[in-house]
Amino acid sequence: MAEPKLRADAQRNLERLTAAAVTVFGERGLDAPLEEIAKRAGVSAGTLYNRFGGRDALIDAVMPDLMAAQIKTAQDRAEACADPWQAFVSYVESLCELQASNAALNDAVSRRFPDAERLTELCDNQWAYAARVIDQAHADGSLRADFTAADMPLVLWSTSNIARATAEVAPDAWRRALGLILDGLRAGAAHPLPVPALTEAQNREAMLRRTR
């Protein structure tokens, strides 16, 4: 059943809120005060809560489409690389560029918002694609064999924190850090890792702790 059509004023408020959410989340991250979003939209906080109920619903209203377009671009770049190692590097670099370019995308890539169901589904699909890229680089022999998809969050969390800390003083510093990380992921003379990869449950709990 189609949703009932909103009144003209309600539709305008919805459009203002979603536009303000994209801007404020992009500037301050997904923890940005909802009151700031309402103020930027020129409506009351009550109007925001009446329309969306809370933060997760607002995130789910504005982030999935934005995120999907960016991830599609990252995947297309990786697919254009004939060499599996370069495809892996391209995909990792693209995700890290998202983190560095926009605070909301940084949070969406590196954290979990379980009640934002559309965003969670999109992120899960992204991890599945990352696993395929990793498998191809393993099969090619270019990626160290003990690096798994479960290790990807470690790379992204590191870049996330570096991008936030250096955004105002050295906005490309994350690229140097990522270069060091990627160099350590090449197959060859790598030393054995001291501890095993996180389990899926551990990764999810760690992401949720970052969110909390």
C-alpha atoms as a PDB file:
ATOM      1  CA  MET A   1       0.000   0.000   0.000  1.00  0.00           C
ATOM      2  CA  ALA A   2       1.345   3.422  -0.955  1.00  0.00           C
ATOM      3  CA  GLU A   3       2.098   5.858   1.837  1.00  0.00           C
ATOM      4  CA  PRO A   4      -0.411   8.704   2.173  1.00  0.00           C
ATOM      5  CA  LYS A   5       0.631  11.895   0.414  1.00  0.00           C
ATOM      6  CA  LEU A   6       2.023  14.516   2.761  1.00  0.00           C
ATOM      7  CA  ARG A   7       0.524  17.980   3.049  1.00  0.00           C
ATOM      8  CA  ALA A   8       2.526  20.632   1.225  1.00  0.00           C
ATOM      9  CA  ASP A   9       3.925  22.110   4.442  1.00  0.00           C
ATOM     10  CA  ALA A  10       4.821  18.675   5.803  1.00  0.00           C
ATOM     11  CA  GLN A  11       6.550  17.806   2.528  1.00  0.00           C
ATOM     12  CA  ARG A  12       8.570  21.024   2.682  1.00  0.00           C
ATOM     13  CA  ASN A  13       9.616  20.260   6.268  1.00  0.00           C
ATOM     14  CA  LEU A  14      10.661  16.750   5.243  1.00  0.00           C
ATOM     15  CA  GLU A  15      12.783  18.078   2.393  1.00  0.00           C
ATOM     16  CA  ARG A  16      14.378  20.711   4.626  1.00  0.00           C
ATOM     17  CA  LEU A  17      15.160  18.155   7.321  1.00  0.00           C
ATOM     18  CA  THR A  18      16.725  15.640   4.982  1.00  0.00           C
ATOM     19  CA  ALA A  19      18.811  18.312   3.253  1.00  0.00           C
ATOM     20  CA  ALA A  20      19.945  19.703   6.616  1.00  0.00           C
ATOM     21  CA  ALA A  21      20.759  16.193   7.869  1.00  0.00           C
ATOM     22  CA  VAL A  22      23.013  15.511   4.864  1.00  0.00           C
ATOM     23  CA  THR A  23      24.858  18.777   5.488  1.00  0.00           C
ATOM     24  CA  VAL A  24      25.192  18.550   9.277  1.00  0.00           C
ATOM     25  CA  PHE A  25      26.030  14.847   9.320  1.00  0.00           C
ATOM     26  CA  GLY A  26      28.620  15.503   6.612  1.00  0.00           C
ATOM     27  CA  GLU A  27      30.214  18.249   8.700  1.00  0.00           C
ATOM     28  CA  ARG A  28      30.023  16.714  12.160  1.00  0.00           C
ATOM     29  CA  GLY A  29      29.421  12.998  11.720  1.00  0.00           C
ATOM     30  CA  LEU A  30      26.417  10.834  12.511  1.00  0.00           C
ATOM     31  CA  ASP A  31      26.587  11.811  16.201  1.00  0.00           C
ATOM     32  CA  ALA A  32      25.722  15.425  15.331  1.00  0.00           C
ATOM     33  CA  PRO A  33      23.013  16.907  17.611  1.00  0.00           C
ATOM     34  CA  LEU A  34      19.567  16.428  16.097  1.00  0.00           C
ATOM     35  CA  GLU A  35      18.652  19.839  17.454  1.00  0.00           C
ATOM     36  CA  GLU A  36      21.312  21.355  15.202  1.00  0.00           C
ATOM     37  CA  ILE A  37      19.760  19.612  12.198  1.00  0.00           C
ATOM     38  CA  ALA A  38      16.315  20.914  13.108  1.00  0.00           C
ATOM     39  CA  LYS A  39      17.692  24.421  13.574  1.00  0.00           C
ATOM     40  CA  ARG A  40      19.494  24.284  10.212  1.00  0.00           C
ATOM     41  CA  ALA A  41      16.234  23.136   8.594  1.00  0.00           C
ATOM     42  CA  GLY A  42      14.290  25.992  10.206  1.00  0.00           C
ATOM     43  CA  VAL A  43      11.903  23.706  12.094  1.00  0.00           C
ATOM     44  CA  SER A  44      11.453  22.688  15.708  1.00  0.00           C
ATOM     45  CA  ALA A  45      13.137  19.647  17.210  1.00  0.00           C
ATOM     46  CA  GLY A  46       9.656  18.301  17.841  1.00  0.00           C
ATOM     47  CA  THR A  47       8.956  18.347  14.118  1.00  0.00           C
ATOM     48  CA  LEU A  48      12.076  16.263  13.502  1.00  0.00           C
ATOM     49  CA  TYR A  49      11.155  13.708  16.164  1.00  0.00           C
ATOM     50  CA  ASN A  50       7.540  13.565  15.015  1.00  0.00           C
ATOM     51  CA  ARG A  51       8.640  12.842  11.459  1.00  0.00           C
ATOM     52  CA  PHE A  52      11.535  10.435  12.082  1.00  0.00           C
ATOM     53  CA  GLY A  53      11.222   9.264  15.677  1.00  0.00           C
ATOM     54  CA  GLY A  54      14.962   9.428  16.335  1.00  0.00           C
ATOM     55  CA  ARG A  55      18.508   9.356  15.024  1.00  0.00           C
ATOM     56  CA  ASP A  56      18.604   5.910  13.403  1.00  0.00           C
ATOM     57  CA  ALA A  57      15.500   6.550  11.308  1.00  0.00           C
ATOM     58  CA  LEU A  58      16.924   9.874  10.149  1.00  0.00           C
ATOM     59  CA  ILE A  59      20.247   8.225   9.288  1.00  0.00           C
ATOM     60  CA  ASP A  60      18.368   5.566   7.333  1.00  0.00           C
ATOM     61  CA  ALA A  61      16.439   8.247   5.473  1.00  0.00           C
ATOM     62  CA  VAL A  62      19.470  10.141   4.188  1.00  0.00           C
ATOM     63  CA  MET A  63      22.590   7.954   4.243  1.00  0.00           C
ATOM     64  CA  PRO A  64      21.876   4.777   2.205  1.00  0.00           C
ATOM     65  CA  ASP A  65      21.378   6.510  -1.157  1.00  0.00           C
ATOM     66  CA  LEU A  66      24.423   8.718  -0.626  1.00  0.00           C
ATOM     67  CA  MET A  67      26.484   5.757   0.530  1.00  0.00           C
ATOM     68  CA  ALA A  68      25.313   3.474  -2.278  1.00  0.00           C
ATOM     69  CA  ALA A  69      26.429   5.888  -4.973  1.00  0.00           C
ATOM     70  CA  GLN A  70      29.881   6.267  -3.421  1.00  0.00           C
ATOM     71  CA  ILE A  71      30.374   2.530  -2.918  1.00  0.00           C
ATOM     72  CA  LYS A  72      29.278   1.847  -6.508  1.00  0.00           C
ATOM     73  CA  THR A  73      31.985   4.249  -7.696  1.00  0.00           C
ATOM     74  CA  ALA A  74      34.568   2.463  -5.508  1.00  0.00           C
ATOM     75  CA  GLN A  75      33.542  -0.920  -6.877  1.00  0.00           C
ATOM     76  CA  ASP A  76      33.636   0.306 -10.474  1.00  0.00           C
ATOM     77  CA  ARG A  77      37.176   1.584  -9.936  1.00  0.00           C
ATOM     78  CA  ALA A  78      38.254  -1.766  -8.533  1.00  0.00           C
ATOM     79  CA  GLU A  79      36.578  -3.674 -11.385  1.00  0.00           C
ATOM     80  CA  ALA A  80      38.519  -1.562 -13.886  1.00  0.00           C
ATOM     81  CA  CYS A  81      41.812  -2.932 -12.522  1.00  0.00           C
ATOM     82  CA  ALA A  82      42.994  -6.038 -14.334  1.00  0.00           C
ATOM     83  CA  ASP A  83      45.565  -6.817 -11.622  1.00  0.00           C
ATOM     84  CA  PRO A  84      44.044  -8.307  -8.418  1.00  0.00           C
ATOM     85  CA  TRP A  85      46.495  -6.479  -6.143  1.00  0.00           C
ATOM     86  CA  GLN A  86      45.700  -3.150  -7.768  1.00  0.00           C
ATOM     87  CA  ALA A  87      41.970  -3.913  -7.503  1.00  0.00           C
ATOM     88  CA  PHE A  88      42.408  -4.544  -3.779  1.00  0.00           C
ATOM     89  CA  VAL A  89      44.456  -1.358  -3.315  1.00  0.00           C
ATOM     90  CA  SER A  90      41.977   0.667  -5.364  1.00  0.00           C
ATOM     91  CA  TYR A  91      39.011  -0.514  -3.302  1.00  0.00           C
ATOM     92  CA  VAL A  92      40.697   0.109   0.042  1.00  0.00           C
ATOM     93  CA  GLU A  93      41.896   3.540  -1.064  1.00  0.00           C
ATOM     94  CA  SER A  94      38.418   4.443  -2.308  1.00  0.00           C
ATOM     95  CA  LEU A  95      36.815   3.534   1.019  1.00  0.00           C
ATOM     96  CA  CYS A  96      39.443   5.543   2.869  1.00  0.00           C
ATOM     97  CA  GLU A  97      38.860   8.516   0.564  1.00  0.00           C
ATOM     98  CA  LEU A  98      35.181   8.375   1.537  1.00  0.00           C
ATOM     99  CA  GLN A  99      36.170   8.478   5.178  1.00  0.00           C
ATOM    100  CA  ALA A 100      38.452  11.457   4.675  1.00  0.00           C
ATOM    101  CA  SER A 101      36.009  13.418   2.522  1.00  0.00           C
ATOM    102  CA  ASN A 102      32.903  13.382   4.675  1.00  0.00           C
ATOM    103  CA  ALA A 103      32.372  12.833   8.406  1.00  0.00           C
ATOM    104  CA  ALA A 104      29.071  11.038   7.844  1.00  0.00           C
ATOM    105  CA  LEU A 105      30.595   8.637   5.326  1.00  0.00           C
ATOM    106  CA  ASN A 106      33.501   8.119   7.725  1.00  0.00           C
ATOM    107  CA  ASP A 107      31.066   6.970  10.400  1.00  0.00           C
ATOM    108  CA  ALA A 108      28.982   4.902   7.990  1.00  0.00           C
ATOM    109  CA  VAL A 109      32.037   2.974   6.755  1.00  0.00           C
ATOM    110  CA  SER A 110      33.669   2.357  10.129  1.00  0.00           C
ATOM    111  CA  ARG A 111      30.777   2.030  12.601  1.00  0.00           C
ATOM    112  CA  ARG A 112      27.525   0.144  13.114  1.00  0.00           C
ATOM    113  CA  PHE A 113      24.019   1.566  13.443  1.00  0.00           C
ATOM    114  CA  PRO A 114      21.963  -1.631  13.819  1.00  0.00           C
ATOM    115  CA  ASP A 115      18.574   0.095  13.917  1.00  0.00           C
ATOM    116  CA  ALA A 116      19.320   1.854  10.617  1.00  0.00           C
ATOM    117  CA  GLU A 117      18.310  -1.218   8.648  1.00  0.00           C
ATOM    118  CA  ARG A 118      18.888   0.055   5.097  1.00  0.00           C
ATOM    119  CA  LEU A 119      22.341   1.359   5.952  1.00  0.00           C
ATOM    120  CA  THR A 120      23.228  -1.879   7.745  1.00  0.00           C
ATOM    121  CA  GLU A 121      22.200  -3.949   4.714  1.00  0.00           C
ATOM    122  CA  LEU A 122      24.273  -1.738   2.436  1.00  0.00           C
ATOM    123  CA  CYS A 123      27.327  -2.033   4.677  1.00  0.00           C
ATOM    124  CA  ASP A 124      26.944  -5.812   4.872  1.00  0.00           C
ATOM    125  CA  ASN A 125      26.893  -5.972   1.060  1.00  0.00           C
ATOM    126  CA  GLN A 126      30.019  -3.820   0.957  1.00  0.00           C
ATOM    127  CA  TRP A 127      31.842  -6.255   3.255  1.00  0.00           C
ATOM    128  CA  ALA A 128      30.798  -9.131   0.991  1.00  0.00           C
ATOM    129  CA  TYR A 129      32.300  -7.330  -2.000  1.00  0.00           C
ATOM    130  CA  ALA A 130      35.494  -6.612  -0.042  1.00  0.00           C
ATOM    131  CA  ALA A 131      35.774 -10.341   0.708  1.00  0.00           C
ATOM    132  CA  ARG A 132      35.648 -11.135  -3.014  1.00  0.00           C
ATOM    133  CA  VAL A 133      38.384  -8.605  -3.780  1.00  0.00           C
ATOM    134  CA  ILE A 134      40.506 -10.099  -1.002  1.00  0.00           C
ATOM    135  CA  ASP A 135      39.933 -13.648  -2.283  1.00  0.00           C
ATOM    136  CA  GLN A 136      41.055 -12.628  -5.775  1.00  0.00           C
ATOM    137  CA  ALA A 137      44.254 -11.054  -4.423  1.00  0.00           C
ATOM    138  CA  HIS A 138      44.903 -14.198  -2.364  1.00  0.00           C
ATOM    139  CA  ALA A 139      44.420 -16.401  -5.418  1.00  0.00           C
ATOM    140  CA  ASP A 140      46.848 -14.192  -7.319  1.00  0.00           C
ATOM    141  CA  GLY A 141      49.418 -14.591  -4.552  1.00  0.00           C
ATOM    142  CA  SER A 142      49.871 -10.831  -4.140  1.00  0.00           C
ATOM    143  CA  LEU A 143      48.120 -10.367  -0.782  1.00  0.00           C
ATOM    144  CA  ARG A 144      49.542 -11.933   2.359  1.00  0.00           C
ATOM    145  CA  ALA A 145      47.620 -15.126   3.051  1.00  0.00           C
ATOM    146  CA  ASP A 146      46.776 -14.365   6.684  1.00  0.00           C
ATOM    147  CA  PHE A 147      44.930 -11.122   5.887  1.00  0.00           C
ATOM    148  CA  THR A 148      41.174 -11.766   5.835  1.00  0.00           C
ATOM    149  CA  ALA A 149      38.000  -9.761   5.318  1.00  0.00           C
ATOM    150  CA  ALA A 150      37.714  -9.666   9.107  1.00  0.00           C
ATOM    151  CA  ASP A 151      40.874  -7.536   9.151  1.00  0.00           C
ATOM    152  CA  MET A 152      39.406  -4.840   6.891  1.00  0.00           C
ATOM    153  CA  PRO A 153      37.754  -2.966   9.785  1.00  0.00           C
ATOM    154  CA  LEU A 154      41.171  -2.615  11.430  1.00  0.00           C
ATOM    155  CA  VAL A 155      42.446  -0.792   8.347  1.00  0.00           C
ATOM    156  CA  LEU A 156      39.363   1.410   8.126  1.00  0.00           C
ATOM    157  CA  TRP A 157      39.287   2.214  11.848  1.00  0.00           C
ATOM    158  CA  SER A 158      42.916   3.296  11.694  1.00  0.00           C
ATOM    159  CA  THR A 159      42.306   5.538   8.706  1.00  0.00           C
ATOM    160  CA  SER A 160      39.114   6.889  10.237  1.00  0.00           C
ATOM    161  CA  ASN A 161      40.885   8.102  13.356  1.00  0.00           C
ATOM    162  CA  ILE A 162      43.843   9.528  11.434  1.00  0.00           C
ATOM    163  CA  ALA A 163      41.581  11.384   8.995  1.00  0.00           C
ATOM    164  CA  ARG A 164      39.624  12.960  11.858  1.00  0.00           C
ATOM    165  CA  ALA A 165      42.721  13.948  13.820  1.00  0.00           C
ATOM    166  CA  THR A 166      44.578  15.514  10.894  1.00  0.00           C
ATOM    167  CA  ALA A 167      41.701  16.973   8.850  1.00  0.00           C
ATOM    168  CA  GLU A 168      42.513  20.573   9.754  1.00  0.00           C
ATOM    169  CA  VAL A 169      46.312  20.370   9.761  1.00  0.00           C
ATOM    170  CA  ALA A 170      47.342  17.743   7.191  1.00  0.00           C
ATOM    171  CA  PRO A 171      44.276  16.427   5.346  1.00  0.00           C
ATOM    172  CA  ASP A 172      46.253  13.924   3.276  1.00  0.00           C
ATOM    173  CA  ALA A 173      48.180  12.386   6.186  1.00  0.00           C
ATOM    174  CA  TRP A 174      45.920   9.333   6.060  1.00  0.00           C
ATOM    175  CA  ARG A 175      47.357   8.506   2.635  1.00  0.00           C
ATOM    176  CA  ARG A 176      50.846   8.073   4.101  1.00  0.00           C
ATOM    177  CA  ALA A 177      49.498   5.898   6.895  1.00  0.00           C
ATOM    178  CA  LEU A 178      47.529   3.796   4.441  1.00  0.00           C
ATOM    179  CA  GLY A 179      50.590   3.436   2.222  1.00  0.00           C
ATOM    180  CA  LEU A 180      52.494   1.973   5.157  1.00  0.00           C
ATOM    181  CA  ILE A 181      49.620  -0.394   5.917  1.00  0.00           C
ATOM    182  CA  LEU A 182      49.276  -1.569   2.314  1.00  0.00           C
ATOM    183  CA  ASP A 183      53.007  -2.161   2.029  1.00  0.00           C
ATOM    184  CA  GLY A 184      52.728  -4.467   5.027  1.00  0.00           C
ATOM    185  CA  LEU A 185      49.915  -6.402   3.344  1.00  0.00           C
ATOM    186  CA  ARG A 186      51.914  -7.459   0.302  1.00  0.00           C
ATOM    187  CA  ALA A 187      52.767 -11.131   0.123  1.00  0.00           C
ATOM    188  CA  GLY A 188      56.428 -11.979   0.487  1.00  0.00           C
ATOM    189  CA  ALA A 189      58.606 -11.101   3.427  1.00  0.00           C
ATOM    190  CA  ALA A 190      55.779 -10.421   5.866  1.00  0.00           C
ATOM    191  CA  HIS A 191      56.244 -11.735   9.400  1.00  0.00           C
ATOM    192  CA  PRO A 192      53.525 -13.927  10.960  1.00  0.00           C
ATOM    193  CA  LEU A 193      50.838 -11.950  12.756  1.00  0.00           C
ATOM    194  CA  PRO A 194      50.930 -12.218  16.565  1.00  0.00           C
ATOM    195  CA  VAL A 195      47.192 -12.758  17.137  1.00  0.00           C
ATOM    196  CA  PRO A 196      44.305 -14.116  15.039  1.00  0.00           C
ATOM    197  CA  ALA A 197      41.786 -11.979  13.167  1.00  0.00           C
ATOM    198  CA  LEU A 198      38.693 -10.786  14.992  1.00  0.00           C
ATOM    199  CA  THR A 199      35.634 -12.954  14.599  1.00  0.00           C
ATOM    200  CA  GLU A 200      32.526 -11.554  12.955  1.00  0.00           C
ATOM    201  CA  ALA A 201      30.916 -11.195  16.387  1.00  0.00           C
ATOM    202  CA  GLN A 202      33.957  -9.354  17.743  1.00  0.00           C
ATOM    203  CA  ASN A 203      33.992  -6.994  14.764  1.00  0.00           C
ATOM    204  CA  ARG A 204      30.314  -6.183  15.221  1.00  0.00           C
ATOM    205  CA  GLU A 205      30.716  -5.577  18.936  1.00  0.00           C
ATOM    206  CA  ALA A 206      33.748  -3.352  18.355  1.00  0.00           C
ATOM    207  CA  MET A 207      31.818  -1.307  15.783  1.00  0.00           C
ATOM    208  CA  LEU A 208      28.906  -0.946  18.166  1.00  0.00           C
ATOM    209  CA  ARG A 209      31.275   0.221  20.901  1.00  0.00           C
ATOM    210  CA  ARG A 210      32.647   2.861  18.507  1.00  0.00           C
ATOM    211  CA  THR A 211      29.071   3.976  17.904  1.00  0.00           C
ATOM    212  CA  ARG A 212      28.244   4.125  21.621  1.00  0.00           C
END
